[in-house]
Every structure is written in structure tokens, then in C-alpha cells.
Amino acid sequence: MAKREALRELQTRLAQRLQAVMAEQPGESWLAVECAGLGLIFPLQGAGEIFTAAGLLAVPHTRPWFLGVANLRGGLHGVVDLAAFLGLRSHALARDAIGEQARLLAFNPASGSHCAVLVDRLAGLRNTSQLTRLPDPAEPRPAFAGARYRDGDGRVWQEIDLSRLAQQEQFLGIAA
């Protein structure tokens, strides 16, 4: 019960901060997370609700990065270990090794995808005034990989477009 209340408080604080940021500084805003030590940012319009990483039910004969399904506010969502899917971990994180800070980030319902990604840790909100866009790399990237940014502390953040990720054939192909 205490974990649920803490999560609600976190969601309320994030919503309040988001409203304040959007009122003060118009421009693009992102939800920042960490996956296997890599900083990732998701455009806020593509992100949905944030949930604790509990209640996952395994689905047999699926890819190692597909953790299973979870009931999120009454809706059944497929859950992907994002770090494993991106190749940042050699194999999917064992369910019993999911850290206390791990969260499920549901896709925005407007995307039509009943998906959520497991991230290792939330890192707050970012906006255009806090980040400097880096030059695009010469090598090809997946369609869901957006721009890269650097913050004031020198940390690099990779943008991930969840709506484009949800359309990727590899992401949709969960059968092993």
C-alpha cells in the first residue's frame, strides 16, 4: 500500500512539474530515464503513465527481451525490457532481479499500442533549455532513435520516439 501511495505521489509531482515547465519554458520536453547506464529521453507526448514493475506474468515462447504482460489500470499491456531490446544487456533481466527503482512506462494510449517498457530508473524531466543537441552520427540508426543531446553536466541523452518504436517490425515480433 505504501508503494502505491509513493508512486501516486511521484506521478503527482511529475505532473505538477510538467505543468510548471510547460508554463515557464515553451518548447520540447522529455521524460528522462536510465537503461543499463544509458540516458534515454522520451518525448512527453508519446509517454503514458508510470507504474511500479510488479505483477508481470511471463508468456512462453517469446523473445528474451519480452518480459510478459501486466495489468495496468485494468488494461493488459505487453512489457518489454527496453535495455535488452536495444542490446544494452546481453539477456533479459531476470524478473527477481528487477530493482526497486525500476518502472514500467506505458505508451500513450493515443498510440493505440498496449505496451510498456521496463526502465531501470526514472531521472526526471528535461526540456530544451537544459539540453544541447549534438550532431547526428554518420552511421544509420533505427527510425525510433531521435536526436542525441548533452546536458549541463556533460551527460549524453538519446531520444527514443515510443510511437515509432511501437511500429517497428522487430518490436512487434515477440514470438521466439
Protein backbone atom coordinates (compact mmCIF):
# COMPACT_ATOMS: atom_id res chain seq x y z
CA MET A 1 0.00 0.00 0.00
CA ALA A 2 2.83 2.38 0.86
CA LYS A 3 4.46 1.69 -2.52
CA ARG A 4 1.22 2.59 -4.30
CA GLU A 5 0.96 5.85 -2.40
CA ALA A 6 4.60 6.67 -3.11
CA LEU A 7 4.04 6.02 -6.82
CA ARG A 8 0.96 8.23 -6.83
CA GLU A 9 2.97 10.98 -5.11
CA LEU A 10 5.72 10.61 -7.73
CA GLN A 11 3.20 10.80 -10.57
CA THR A 12 1.56 13.85 -8.98
CA ARG A 13 4.94 15.59 -8.56
CA LEU A 14 5.92 14.78 -12.16
CA ALA A 15 2.56 16.09 -13.44
CA GLN A 16 2.91 19.29 -11.42
CA ARG A 17 6.49 19.79 -12.57
CA LEU A 18 5.47 19.14 -16.17
CA GLN A 19 2.76 21.80 -15.96
CA ALA A 20 5.21 24.27 -14.41
CA VAL A 21 7.88 23.58 -17.02
CA MET A 22 5.43 23.93 -19.89
CA ALA A 23 4.10 27.19 -18.48
CA GLU A 24 7.56 28.68 -17.88
CA GLN A 25 9.52 27.38 -20.83
CA PRO A 26 7.68 26.61 -24.02
CA GLY A 27 9.43 24.06 -26.18
CA GLU A 28 10.00 20.36 -26.28
CA SER A 29 10.01 18.38 -23.04
CA TRP A 30 11.11 14.83 -22.32
CA LEU A 31 10.88 12.19 -19.62
CA ALA A 32 14.44 11.10 -18.77
CA VAL A 33 15.23 7.53 -17.71
CA GLU A 34 18.21 5.24 -17.35
CA CYS A 35 18.53 1.83 -19.01
CA ALA A 36 21.67 -0.21 -18.36
CA GLY A 37 23.56 3.00 -17.59
CA LEU A 38 22.46 4.80 -20.79
CA GLY A 39 20.48 8.02 -20.53
CA LEU A 40 17.31 7.93 -22.62
CA ILE A 41 14.70 10.62 -23.12
CA PHE A 42 11.14 10.13 -24.35
CA PRO A 43 9.06 12.98 -25.80
CA LEU A 44 6.28 13.57 -23.30
CA GLN A 45 3.52 13.36 -25.92
CA GLY A 46 4.45 9.71 -26.55
CA ALA A 47 4.76 8.66 -22.93
CA GLY A 48 1.88 7.44 -20.83
CA GLU A 49 1.64 6.58 -17.16
CA ILE A 50 4.44 5.27 -14.98
CA PHE A 51 3.93 2.13 -12.89
CA THR A 52 5.95 0.01 -10.49
CA ALA A 53 7.48 -3.06 -12.09
CA ALA A 54 5.31 -5.58 -10.27
CA GLY A 55 2.77 -8.16 -11.34
CA LEU A 56 4.46 -9.29 -14.54
CA LEU A 57 3.15 -12.56 -15.94
CA ALA A 58 5.52 -14.50 -18.17
CA VAL A 59 4.43 -15.50 -21.66
CA PRO A 60 6.06 -18.67 -23.00
CA HIS A 61 7.80 -18.90 -26.37
CA THR A 62 8.64 -15.20 -26.63
CA ARG A 63 11.85 -13.28 -27.23
CA PRO A 64 14.15 -12.91 -24.20
CA TRP A 65 13.51 -9.15 -24.07
CA PHE A 66 9.74 -9.63 -23.84
CA LEU A 67 9.10 -9.88 -20.10
CA GLY A 68 5.42 -10.78 -20.35
CA VAL A 69 2.18 -8.96 -19.68
CA ALA A 70 0.98 -6.72 -16.88
CA ASN A 71 -2.42 -5.44 -15.85
CA LEU A 72 -2.01 -1.65 -15.84
CA ARG A 73 -5.16 0.14 -14.69
CA GLY A 74 -7.34 -2.68 -15.96
CA GLY A 75 -5.69 -2.95 -19.37
CA LEU A 76 -3.43 -5.81 -20.45
CA HIS A 77 -0.06 -4.45 -21.67
CA GLY A 78 2.88 -6.27 -23.21
CA VAL A 79 6.09 -5.42 -21.32
CA VAL A 80 9.50 -5.13 -22.98
CA ASP A 81 12.83 -4.88 -21.16
CA LEU A 82 13.99 -1.84 -23.14
CA ALA A 83 17.68 -2.28 -22.31
CA ALA A 84 17.62 -5.90 -23.54
CA PHE A 85 15.66 -4.94 -26.67
CA LEU A 86 18.20 -2.22 -27.50
CA GLY A 87 21.08 -4.65 -26.96
CA LEU A 88 22.38 -2.83 -23.88
CA ARG A 89 22.05 -6.04 -21.84
CA SER A 90 23.11 -9.40 -23.21
CA HIS A 91 19.90 -11.01 -22.00
CA ALA A 92 16.61 -10.01 -20.45
CA LEU A 93 16.72 -9.06 -16.82
CA ALA A 94 15.50 -11.86 -14.58
CA ARG A 95 12.18 -10.96 -13.00
CA ASP A 96 13.52 -11.50 -9.50
CA ALA A 97 16.45 -9.14 -10.21
CA ILE A 98 14.29 -6.13 -11.13
CA GLY A 99 15.48 -3.29 -8.89
CA GLU A 100 13.28 -1.21 -6.61
CA GLN A 101 13.77 1.84 -8.82
CA ALA A 102 12.71 0.02 -11.99
CA ARG A 103 9.50 1.31 -13.54
CA LEU A 104 7.13 0.43 -16.33
CA LEU A 105 6.48 3.28 -18.73
CA ALA A 106 3.25 2.73 -20.62
CA PHE A 107 2.93 4.14 -24.12
CA ASN A 108 0.49 6.98 -24.59
CA PRO A 109 -2.98 5.45 -25.17
CA ALA A 110 -3.33 7.63 -28.29
CA SER A 111 -0.63 5.50 -29.94
CA GLY A 112 -3.03 2.54 -29.97
CA SER A 113 -0.33 0.30 -28.50
CA HIS A 114 -0.95 -1.55 -25.29
CA CYS A 115 2.73 -1.69 -24.49
CA ALA A 116 5.02 -0.69 -21.66
CA VAL A 117 8.79 -0.65 -21.43
CA LEU A 118 10.81 -1.54 -18.36
CA VAL A 119 13.36 1.13 -17.47
CA ASP A 120 15.92 0.84 -14.69
CA ARG A 121 15.33 4.25 -13.14
CA LEU A 122 13.46 7.49 -13.67
CA ALA A 123 15.72 10.54 -14.00
CA GLY A 124 13.12 13.33 -14.08
CA LEU A 125 12.06 15.76 -16.77
CA ARG A 126 14.19 17.62 -19.30
CA ASN A 127 13.41 20.50 -21.64
CA THR A 128 15.10 22.31 -24.49
CA SER A 129 16.68 24.91 -22.20
CA GLN A 130 18.58 22.16 -20.32
CA LEU A 131 19.93 20.26 -23.32
CA THR A 132 22.16 20.97 -26.30
CA ARG A 133 21.55 18.97 -29.45
CA LEU A 134 24.55 17.01 -30.70
CA PRO A 135 25.38 16.50 -34.38
CA ASP A 136 23.71 13.48 -35.94
CA PRO A 137 26.07 10.49 -36.24
CA ALA A 138 27.08 9.34 -39.72
CA GLU A 139 26.06 5.72 -39.12
CA PRO A 140 22.45 4.71 -39.73
CA ARG A 141 20.13 4.46 -36.74
CA PRO A 142 16.74 2.85 -36.22
CA ALA A 143 13.75 5.04 -37.11
CA PHE A 144 12.74 5.30 -33.45
CA ALA A 145 16.13 6.77 -32.41
CA GLY A 146 15.85 10.54 -32.44
CA ALA A 147 18.45 13.17 -31.75
CA ARG A 148 21.15 12.98 -29.11
CA TYR A 149 21.57 15.73 -26.54
CA ARG A 150 24.09 16.76 -23.89
CA ASP A 151 23.06 18.28 -20.57
CA GLY A 152 24.92 20.81 -18.42
CA ASP A 153 26.75 18.02 -16.58
CA GLY A 154 28.08 16.57 -19.83
CA ARG A 155 25.78 13.54 -19.83
CA VAL A 156 24.54 12.39 -23.23
CA TRP A 157 20.85 11.58 -23.67
CA GLN A 158 19.45 9.58 -26.59
CA GLU A 159 15.91 10.44 -27.66
CA ILE A 160 13.58 7.48 -28.27
CA ASP A 161 10.26 8.00 -30.06
CA LEU A 162 7.86 5.49 -28.48
CA SER A 163 5.23 5.81 -31.22
CA ARG A 164 7.84 4.91 -33.87
CA LEU A 165 9.20 2.13 -31.66
CA ALA A 166 5.70 0.63 -31.45
CA GLN A 167 5.60 0.44 -35.26
CA GLN A 168 8.91 -1.41 -35.66
CA GLU A 169 8.54 -4.94 -37.00
CA GLN A 170 11.22 -6.25 -34.61
CA PHE A 171 9.44 -4.70 -31.61
CA LEU A 172 6.15 -6.24 -32.67
CA GLY A 173 7.68 -9.66 -33.35
CA ILE A 174 7.72 -11.08 -29.84
CA ALA A 175 7.42 -14.76 -30.80
CA ALA A 176 10.62 -16.72 -30.31
